[in-house]
PDB file of N, CA and C in Angstrom:
ATOM      1  N   MET A   1      37.346  -4.651   3.125  1.00  0.00           N
ATOM      2  CA  MET A   1      36.379  -5.522   2.476  1.00  0.00           C
ATOM      3  C   MET A   1      35.043  -5.375   3.178  1.00  0.00           C
ATOM      4  N   GLN A   2      34.012  -5.086   2.422  1.00  0.00           N
ATOM      5  CA  GLN A   2      32.686  -4.900   2.988  1.00  0.00           C
ATOM      6  C   GLN A   2      31.914  -6.206   2.973  1.00  0.00           C
ATOM      7  N   GLY A   3      31.035  -6.338   3.985  1.00  0.00           N
ATOM      8  CA  GLY A   3      30.186  -7.526   4.059  1.00  0.00           C
ATOM      9  C   GLY A   3      29.046  -7.432   3.056  1.00  0.00           C
ATOM     10  N   PRO A   4      28.303  -8.532   2.879  1.00  0.00           N
ATOM     11  CA  PRO A   4      27.182  -8.516   1.924  1.00  0.00           C
ATOM     12  C   PRO A   4      26.090  -7.567   2.406  1.00  0.00           C
ATOM     13  N   GLN A   5      25.550  -6.846   1.483  1.00  0.00           N
ATOM     14  CA  GLN A   5      24.482  -5.916   1.820  1.00  0.00           C
ATOM     15  C   GLN A   5      23.130  -6.598   1.624  1.00  0.00           C
ATOM     16  N   GLY A   6      22.210  -6.335   2.557  1.00  0.00           N
ATOM     17  CA  GLY A   6      20.868  -6.905   2.455  1.00  0.00           C
ATOM     18  C   GLY A   6      20.065  -6.190   1.384  1.00  0.00           C
ATOM     19  N   ILE A   7      19.156  -6.898   0.792  1.00  0.00           N
ATOM     20  CA  ILE A   7      18.305  -6.320  -0.235  1.00  0.00           C
ATOM     21  C   ILE A   7      17.106  -5.685   0.459  1.00  0.00           C
ATOM     22  N   GLN A   8      16.927  -4.401   0.237  1.00  0.00           N
ATOM     23  CA  GLN A   8      15.818  -3.672   0.837  1.00  0.00           C
ATOM     24  C   GLN A   8      14.638  -3.664  -0.128  1.00  0.00           C
ATOM     25  N   PRO A   9      13.407  -3.852   0.385  1.00  0.00           N
ATOM     26  CA  PRO A   9      12.252  -3.794  -0.514  1.00  0.00           C
ATOM     27  C   PRO A   9      12.044  -2.370  -1.025  1.00  0.00           C
ATOM     28  N   ALA A  10      11.680  -2.256  -2.278  1.00  0.00           N
ATOM     29  CA  ALA A  10      11.439  -0.944  -2.880  1.00  0.00           C
ATOM     30  C   ALA A  10      10.016  -0.502  -2.564  1.00  0.00           C
ATOM     31  N   VAL A  11       9.850   0.759  -2.249  1.00  0.00           N
ATOM     32  CA  VAL A  11       8.533   1.311  -1.967  1.00  0.00           C
ATOM     33  C   VAL A  11       8.247   2.381  -3.008  1.00  0.00           C
ATOM     34  N   PHE A  12       7.234   2.156  -3.818  1.00  0.00           N
ATOM     35  CA  PHE A  12       6.841   3.111  -4.844  1.00  0.00           C
ATOM     36  C   PHE A  12       5.495   3.689  -4.443  1.00  0.00           C
ATOM     37  N   THR A  13       5.458   4.980  -4.175  1.00  0.00           N
ATOM     38  CA  THR A  13       4.212   5.615  -3.763  1.00  0.00           C
ATOM     39  C   THR A  13       3.529   6.347  -4.902  1.00  0.00           C
ATOM     40  N   SER A  14       4.155   6.412  -6.055  1.00  0.00           N
ATOM     41  CA  SER A  14       3.571   7.159  -7.167  1.00  0.00           C
ATOM     42  C   SER A  14       2.781   6.272  -8.125  1.00  0.00           C
ATOM     43  N   LEU A  15       2.586   5.017  -7.795  1.00  0.00           N
ATOM     44  CA  LEU A  15       1.817   4.126  -8.652  1.00  0.00           C
ATOM     45  C   LEU A  15       0.337   4.446  -8.528  1.00  0.00           C
ATOM     46  N   PRO A  16      -0.463   4.191  -9.555  1.00  0.00           N
ATOM     47  CA  PRO A  16      -1.893   4.491  -9.482  1.00  0.00           C
ATOM     48  C   PRO A  16      -2.594   3.609  -8.452  1.00  0.00           C
ATOM     49  N   ARG A  17      -3.696   4.133  -7.921  1.00  0.00           N
ATOM     50  CA  ARG A  17      -4.472   3.372  -6.949  1.00  0.00           C
ATOM     51  C   ARG A  17      -5.140   2.184  -7.622  1.00  0.00           C
ATOM     52  N   MET A  18      -5.243   1.101  -6.879  1.00  0.00           N
ATOM     53  CA  MET A  18      -5.898  -0.091  -7.391  1.00  0.00           C
ATOM     54  C   MET A  18      -7.306  -0.167  -6.805  1.00  0.00           C
ATOM     55  N   GLY A  19      -8.215  -0.770  -7.529  1.00  0.00           N
ATOM     56  CA  GLY A  19      -9.590  -0.858  -7.078  1.00  0.00           C
ATOM     57  C   GLY A  19      -9.881  -2.039  -6.183  1.00  0.00           C
ATOM     58  N   THR A  20      -8.881  -2.793  -5.815  1.00  0.00           N
ATOM     59  CA  THR A  20      -9.101  -3.981  -4.994  1.00  0.00           C
ATOM     60  C   THR A  20      -8.016  -4.109  -3.936  1.00  0.00           C
ATOM     61  N   ALA A  21      -8.351  -4.776  -2.828  1.00  0.00           N
ATOM     62  CA  ALA A  21      -7.379  -5.002  -1.768  1.00  0.00           C
ATOM     63  C   ALA A  21      -6.679  -6.349  -1.938  1.00  0.00           C
ATOM     64  N   THR A  22      -7.026  -7.081  -2.982  1.00  0.00           N
ATOM     65  CA  THR A  22      -6.432  -8.384  -3.244  1.00  0.00           C
ATOM     66  C   THR A  22      -5.027  -8.207  -3.818  1.00  0.00           C
ATOM     67  N   PRO A  23      -4.041  -8.938  -3.292  1.00  0.00           N
ATOM     68  CA  PRO A  23      -2.689  -8.847  -3.872  1.00  0.00           C
ATOM     69  C   PRO A  23      -2.690  -9.261  -5.338  1.00  0.00           C
ATOM     70  N   ILE A  24      -1.963  -8.535  -6.150  1.00  0.00           N
ATOM     71  CA  ILE A  24      -1.910  -8.778  -7.590  1.00  0.00           C
ATOM     72  C   ILE A  24      -0.474  -9.084  -7.995  1.00  0.00           C
ATOM     73  N   ARG A  25      -0.305 -10.093  -8.826  1.00  0.00           N
ATOM     74  CA  ARG A  25       1.011 -10.434  -9.356  1.00  0.00           C
ATOM     75  C   ARG A  25       1.236  -9.607 -10.615  1.00  0.00           C
ATOM     76  N   SER A  26       2.374  -8.949 -10.688  1.00  0.00           N
ATOM     77  CA  SER A  26       2.642  -8.026 -11.782  1.00  0.00           C
ATOM     78  C   SER A  26       4.138  -8.019 -12.085  1.00  0.00           C
ATOM     79  N   VAL A  27       4.515  -7.234 -13.087  1.00  0.00           N
ATOM     80  CA  VAL A  27       5.917  -7.033 -13.440  1.00  0.00           C
ATOM     81  C   VAL A  27       6.261  -5.591 -13.086  1.00  0.00           C
ATOM     82  N   CYS A  28       7.339  -5.399 -12.330  1.00  0.00           N
ATOM     83  CA  CYS A  28       7.765  -4.053 -11.933  1.00  0.00           C
ATOM     84  C   CYS A  28       8.195  -3.275 -13.170  1.00  0.00           C
ATOM     85  N   GLN A  29       7.646  -2.059 -13.304  1.00  0.00           N
ATOM     86  CA  GLN A  29       7.971  -1.252 -14.481  1.00  0.00           C
ATOM     87  C   GLN A  29       9.361  -0.642 -14.406  1.00  0.00           C
ATOM     88  N   TYR A  30       9.988  -0.672 -13.243  1.00  0.00           N
ATOM     89  CA  TYR A  30      11.320  -0.086 -13.079  1.00  0.00           C
ATOM     90  C   TYR A  30      12.446  -1.095 -13.283  1.00  0.00           C
ATOM     91  N   CYS A  31      12.283  -2.297 -12.671  1.00  0.00           N
ATOM     92  CA  CYS A  31      13.384  -3.267 -12.741  1.00  0.00           C
ATOM     93  C   CYS A  31      13.054  -4.520 -13.544  1.00  0.00           C
ATOM     94  N   GLY A  32      11.769  -4.739 -13.883  1.00  0.00           N
ATOM     95  CA  GLY A  32      11.385  -5.889 -14.690  1.00  0.00           C
ATOM     96  C   GLY A  32      11.187  -7.169 -13.903  1.00  0.00           C
ATOM     97  N   ASN A  33      11.320  -7.132 -12.570  1.00  0.00           N
ATOM     98  CA  ASN A  33      11.118  -8.321 -11.748  1.00  0.00           C
ATOM     99  C   ASN A  33       9.634  -8.586 -11.538  1.00  0.00           C
ATOM    100  N   TYR A  34       9.299  -9.866 -11.314  1.00  0.00           N
ATOM    101  CA  TYR A  34       7.934 -10.218 -10.955  1.00  0.00           C
ATOM    102  C   TYR A  34       7.713  -9.847  -9.495  1.00  0.00           C
ATOM    103  N   ILE A  35       6.602  -9.165  -9.229  1.00  0.00           N
ATOM    104  CA  ILE A  35       6.304  -8.718  -7.872  1.00  0.00           C
ATOM    105  C   ILE A  35       4.878  -9.099  -7.505  1.00  0.00           C
ATOM    106  N   ILE A  36       4.589  -9.096  -6.212  1.00  0.00           N
ATOM    107  CA  ILE A  36       3.235  -9.257  -5.707  1.00  0.00           C
ATOM    108  C   ILE A  36       2.932  -8.010  -4.885  1.00  0.00           C
ATOM    109  N   THR A  37       1.849  -7.324  -5.236  1.00  0.00           N
ATOM    110  CA  THR A  37       1.515  -6.073  -4.563  1.00  0.00           C
ATOM    111  C   THR A  37       1.051  -6.327  -3.136  1.00  0.00           C
ATOM    112  N   VAL A  38       1.219  -5.321  -2.295  1.00  0.00           N
ATOM    113  CA  VAL A  38       0.756  -5.373  -0.913  1.00  0.00           C
ATOM    114  C   VAL A  38      -0.059  -4.116  -0.674  1.00  0.00           C
ATOM    115  N   THR A  39      -1.276  -4.282  -0.149  1.00  0.00           N
ATOM    116  CA  THR A  39      -2.118  -3.128   0.121  1.00  0.00           C
ATOM    117  C   THR A  39      -2.260  -2.918   1.613  1.00  0.00           C
ATOM    118  N   THR A  40      -2.357  -1.661   2.003  1.00  0.00           N
ATOM    119  CA  THR A  40      -2.549  -1.304   3.407  1.00  0.00           C
ATOM    120  C   THR A  40      -3.720  -0.330   3.486  1.00  0.00           C
ATOM    121  N   PRO A  41      -4.826  -0.751   4.126  1.00  0.00           N
ATOM    122  CA  PRO A  41      -5.965   0.161   4.210  1.00  0.00           C
ATOM    123  C   PRO A  41      -5.666   1.359   5.110  1.00  0.00           C
ATOM    124  N   VAL A  42      -6.082   2.535   4.676  1.00  0.00           N
ATOM    125  CA  VAL A  42      -5.887   3.766   5.436  1.00  0.00           C
ATOM    126  C   VAL A  42      -7.241   4.454   5.568  1.00  0.00           C
ATOM    127  N   PRO A  43      -7.705   4.698   6.796  1.00  0.00           N
ATOM    128  CA  PRO A  43      -9.004   5.366   6.953  1.00  0.00           C
ATOM    129  C   PRO A  43      -8.940   6.806   6.461  1.00  0.00           C
ATOM    130  N   GLY A  44      -9.953   7.201   5.703  1.00  0.00           N
ATOM    131  CA  GLY A  44     -10.011   8.547   5.162  1.00  0.00           C
ATOM    132  C   GLY A  44     -10.835   9.478   6.038  1.00  0.00           C
ATOM    133  N   VAL A  45     -11.049  10.682   5.539  1.00  0.00           N
ATOM    134  CA  VAL A  45     -11.782  11.705   6.278  1.00  0.00           C
ATOM    135  C   VAL A  45     -13.229  11.283   6.489  1.00  0.00           C
ATOM    136  N   LEU A  46     -13.865  10.711   5.477  1.00  0.00           N
ATOM    137  CA  LEU A  46     -15.256  10.286   5.603  1.00  0.00           C
ATOM    138  C   LEU A  46     -15.420   9.232   6.690  1.00  0.00           C
ATOM    139  N   THR A  47     -14.490   8.318   6.799  1.00  0.00           N
ATOM    140  CA  THR A  47     -14.542   7.298   7.844  1.00  0.00           C
ATOM    141  C   THR A  47     -14.519   7.929   9.221  1.00  0.00           C
ATOM    142  N   TRP A  48     -13.617   8.879   9.424  1.00  0.00           N
ATOM    143  CA  TRP A  48     -13.527   9.541  10.731  1.00  0.00           C
ATOM    144  C   TRP A  48     -14.770  10.376  11.026  1.00  0.00           C
ATOM    145  N   MET A  49     -15.334  11.026  10.001  1.00  0.00           N
ATOM    146  CA  MET A  49     -16.550  11.814  10.209  1.00  0.00           C
ATOM    147  C   MET A  49     -17.729  10.927  10.589  1.00  0.00           C
ATOM    148  N   LEU A  50     -17.865   9.775   9.928  1.00  0.00           N
ATOM    149  CA  LEU A  50     -18.946   8.852  10.267  1.00  0.00           C
ATOM    150  C   LEU A  50     -18.777   8.290  11.670  1.00  0.00           C
ATOM    151  N   CYS A  51     -17.581   7.951  12.060  1.00  0.00           N
ATOM    152  CA  CYS A  51     -17.324   7.437  13.414  1.00  0.00           C
ATOM    153  C   CYS A  51     -17.638   8.501  14.465  1.00  0.00           C
ATOM    154  N   THR A  52     -17.252   9.740  14.195  1.00  0.00           N
ATOM    155  CA  THR A  52     -17.534  10.830  15.129  1.00  0.00           C
ATOM    156  C   THR A  52     -19.037  11.070  15.237  1.00  0.00           C
ATOM    157  N   GLY A  53     -19.740  11.046  14.093  1.00  0.00           N
ATOM    158  CA  GLY A  53     -21.191  11.226  14.090  1.00  0.00           C
ATOM    159  C   GLY A  53     -21.901  10.130  14.853  1.00  0.00           C
ATOM    160  N   LEU A  54     -21.460   8.888  14.696  1.00  0.00           N
ATOM    161  CA  LEU A  54     -22.064   7.777  15.440  1.00  0.00           C
ATOM    162  C   LEU A  54     -21.785   7.901  16.926  1.00  0.00           C
ATOM    163  N   PHE A  55     -20.607   8.379  17.273  1.00  0.00           N
ATOM    164  CA  PHE A  55     -20.259   8.554  18.695  1.00  0.00           C
ATOM    165  C   PHE A  55     -21.113   9.654  19.336  1.00  0.00           C
ATOM    166  N   VAL A  56     -21.276  10.774  18.633  1.00  0.00           N
ATOM    167  CA  VAL A  56     -22.010  11.912  19.190  1.00  0.00           C
ATOM    168  C   VAL A  56     -23.518  11.637  19.234  1.00  0.00           C
ATOM    169  N   PHE A  57     -24.076  11.105  18.143  1.00  0.00           N
ATOM    170  CA  PHE A  57     -25.513  10.923  18.057  1.00  0.00           C
ATOM    171  C   PHE A  57     -25.982   9.513  18.383  1.00  0.00           C
ATOM    172  N   GLY A  58     -25.056   8.609  18.585  1.00  0.00           N
ATOM    173  CA  GLY A  58     -25.434   7.210  18.856  1.00  0.00           C
ATOM    174  C   GLY A  58     -25.530   6.957  20.287  1.00  0.00           C
TER     175      GLY A  58
END
């Protein structure tokens, strides 16, 4: 007899990018459940180039 299995959060990386960092309430297109999105900012190449330029010339 197996014990109860925990529910793992689903991670979908193929969804389109959103234009805002504000969490949005939506319906999951895969399972139909109501979800609240979570955003994680990731610094891009331009951010690193600007930081390097400020460090070198600042």
